[in-house]
Amino acid sequence: MVAEPDPSLALAQRAGWLQVVEWVASGQIGAVVTMNRQMVSNSPQEWACLAAELHAQGVELRTLASIASPRGSAV
């Protein structure tokens, strides 16, 4: 679990996100789950780009709401 103290910073400047990137690169995780999309993106396009980048490395990007949904819809 990573708690980000300053989510107003760009992702590349967040210590927590840099830890996530390290875990992704080393194959230590298979999913990144955020409370909502706004925690890691400013637009649906940015979310889709980030999700595609992670997916290319074998990691799924999800929100808590999408996990709780019976259909798995991303929120």
C-alpha atoms as a PDB file:
ATOM      1  CA  MET A   1       0.000   0.000   0.000  1.00  0.00           C
ATOM      2  CA  VAL A   2       1.199   3.481  -0.846  1.00  0.00           C
ATOM      3  CA  ALA A   3      -0.193   6.596   0.788  1.00  0.00           C
ATOM      4  CA  GLU A   4       0.554   9.749  -1.170  1.00  0.00           C
ATOM      5  CA  PRO A   5       0.996  12.808   1.065  1.00  0.00           C
ATOM      6  CA  ASP A   6       0.682  15.381  -1.747  1.00  0.00           C
ATOM      7  CA  PRO A   7      -1.592  14.252  -4.590  1.00  0.00           C
ATOM      8  CA  SER A   8      -1.438  17.746  -6.110  1.00  0.00           C
ATOM      9  CA  LEU A   9       2.050  16.990  -7.484  1.00  0.00           C
ATOM     10  CA  ALA A  10       2.489  15.539 -10.955  1.00  0.00           C
ATOM     11  CA  LEU A  11       2.656  11.733 -10.876  1.00  0.00           C
ATOM     12  CA  ALA A  12       6.334  11.712 -11.855  1.00  0.00           C
ATOM     13  CA  GLN A  13       7.114  13.849  -8.782  1.00  0.00           C
ATOM     14  CA  ARG A  14       5.223  11.778  -6.207  1.00  0.00           C
ATOM     15  CA  ALA A  15       7.345   9.574  -3.968  1.00  0.00           C
ATOM     16  CA  GLY A  16       4.514   7.052  -3.666  1.00  0.00           C
ATOM     17  CA  TRP A  17       3.996   6.781  -7.408  1.00  0.00           C
ATOM     18  CA  LEU A  18       7.732   6.368  -7.961  1.00  0.00           C
ATOM     19  CA  GLN A  19       7.558   3.408  -5.567  1.00  0.00           C
ATOM     20  CA  VAL A  20       4.676   1.959  -7.586  1.00  0.00           C
ATOM     21  CA  VAL A  21       6.693   2.379 -10.798  1.00  0.00           C
ATOM     22  CA  GLU A  22       9.588   0.539  -9.174  1.00  0.00           C
ATOM     23  CA  TRP A  23       7.313  -2.338  -8.130  1.00  0.00           C
ATOM     24  CA  VAL A  24       5.825  -2.515 -11.634  1.00  0.00           C
ATOM     25  CA  ALA A  25       9.278  -2.590 -13.255  1.00  0.00           C
ATOM     26  CA  SER A  26      10.441  -5.369 -10.937  1.00  0.00           C
ATOM     27  CA  GLY A  27       7.284  -7.442 -11.465  1.00  0.00           C
ATOM     28  CA  GLN A  28       6.325  -7.292  -7.792  1.00  0.00           C
ATOM     29  CA  ILE A  29       2.713  -6.248  -8.393  1.00  0.00           C
ATOM     30  CA  GLY A  30      -0.053  -7.205 -10.785  1.00  0.00           C
ATOM     31  CA  ALA A  31      -2.501  -4.380 -10.112  1.00  0.00           C
ATOM     32  CA  VAL A  32      -2.681  -0.761  -9.038  1.00  0.00           C
ATOM     33  CA  VAL A  33      -5.893   0.195  -7.268  1.00  0.00           C
ATOM     34  CA  THR A  34      -6.797   3.827  -6.569  1.00  0.00           C
ATOM     35  CA  MET A  35      -9.751   5.314  -4.713  1.00  0.00           C
ATOM     36  CA  ASN A  36     -10.835   7.035  -7.941  1.00  0.00           C
ATOM     37  CA  ARG A  37      -9.402   8.016 -11.320  1.00  0.00           C
ATOM     38  CA  GLN A  38      -8.639  11.574 -10.223  1.00  0.00           C
ATOM     39  CA  MET A  39      -5.969  10.275  -7.862  1.00  0.00           C
ATOM     40  CA  VAL A  40      -3.685   9.470 -10.820  1.00  0.00           C
ATOM     41  CA  SER A  41      -5.133  11.319 -13.812  1.00  0.00           C
ATOM     42  CA  ASN A  42      -6.734  14.595 -14.792  1.00  0.00           C
ATOM     43  CA  SER A  43      -8.784  13.292 -17.721  1.00  0.00           C
ATOM     44  CA  PRO A  44     -10.231  10.084 -19.152  1.00  0.00           C
ATOM     45  CA  GLN A  45      -7.550  10.203 -21.856  1.00  0.00           C
ATOM     46  CA  GLU A  46      -4.762  10.423 -19.282  1.00  0.00           C
ATOM     47  CA  TRP A  47      -6.318   7.501 -17.353  1.00  0.00           C
ATOM     48  CA  ALA A  48      -6.517   5.427 -20.555  1.00  0.00           C
ATOM     49  CA  CYS A  49      -2.883   6.197 -21.392  1.00  0.00           C
ATOM     50  CA  LEU A  50      -1.697   5.264 -17.913  1.00  0.00           C
ATOM     51  CA  ALA A  51      -3.805   2.098 -17.941  1.00  0.00           C
ATOM     52  CA  ALA A  52      -2.328   1.123 -21.333  1.00  0.00           C
ATOM     53  CA  GLU A  53       1.235   1.747 -20.116  1.00  0.00           C
ATOM     54  CA  LEU A  54       0.684  -0.407 -17.047  1.00  0.00           C
ATOM     55  CA  HIS A  55      -1.155  -3.089 -19.026  1.00  0.00           C
ATOM     56  CA  ALA A  56       1.830  -3.361 -21.381  1.00  0.00           C
ATOM     57  CA  GLN A  57       3.861  -4.308 -18.312  1.00  0.00           C
ATOM     58  CA  GLY A  58       1.311  -6.842 -17.095  1.00  0.00           C
ATOM     59  CA  VAL A  59      -0.286  -4.601 -14.473  1.00  0.00           C
ATOM     60  CA  GLU A  60      -3.969  -3.725 -14.267  1.00  0.00           C
ATOM     61  CA  LEU A  61      -5.094  -0.216 -13.248  1.00  0.00           C
ATOM     62  CA  ARG A  62      -8.386  -0.172 -11.340  1.00  0.00           C
ATOM     63  CA  THR A  63     -10.436   1.927  -8.963  1.00  0.00           C
ATOM     64  CA  LEU A  64     -12.071   0.666  -5.774  1.00  0.00           C
ATOM     65  CA  ALA A  65     -15.473   1.228  -7.383  1.00  0.00           C
ATOM     66  CA  SER A  66     -14.582  -0.956 -10.370  1.00  0.00           C
ATOM     67  CA  ILE A  67     -13.566  -3.779  -8.044  1.00  0.00           C
ATOM     68  CA  ALA A  68     -16.808  -3.513  -6.075  1.00  0.00           C
ATOM     69  CA  SER A  69     -18.944  -3.459  -9.221  1.00  0.00           C
ATOM     70  CA  PRO A  70     -20.259  -6.874 -10.278  1.00  0.00           C
ATOM     71  CA  ARG A  71     -19.548  -6.021 -13.907  1.00  0.00           C
ATOM     72  CA  GLY A  72     -16.097  -4.579 -13.226  1.00  0.00           C
ATOM     73  CA  SER A  73     -16.876  -1.245 -14.856  1.00  0.00           C
ATOM     74  CA  ALA A  74     -14.158   1.355 -14.378  1.00  0.00           C
ATOM     75  CA  VAL A  75     -15.226   4.450 -12.442  1.00  0.00           C
END
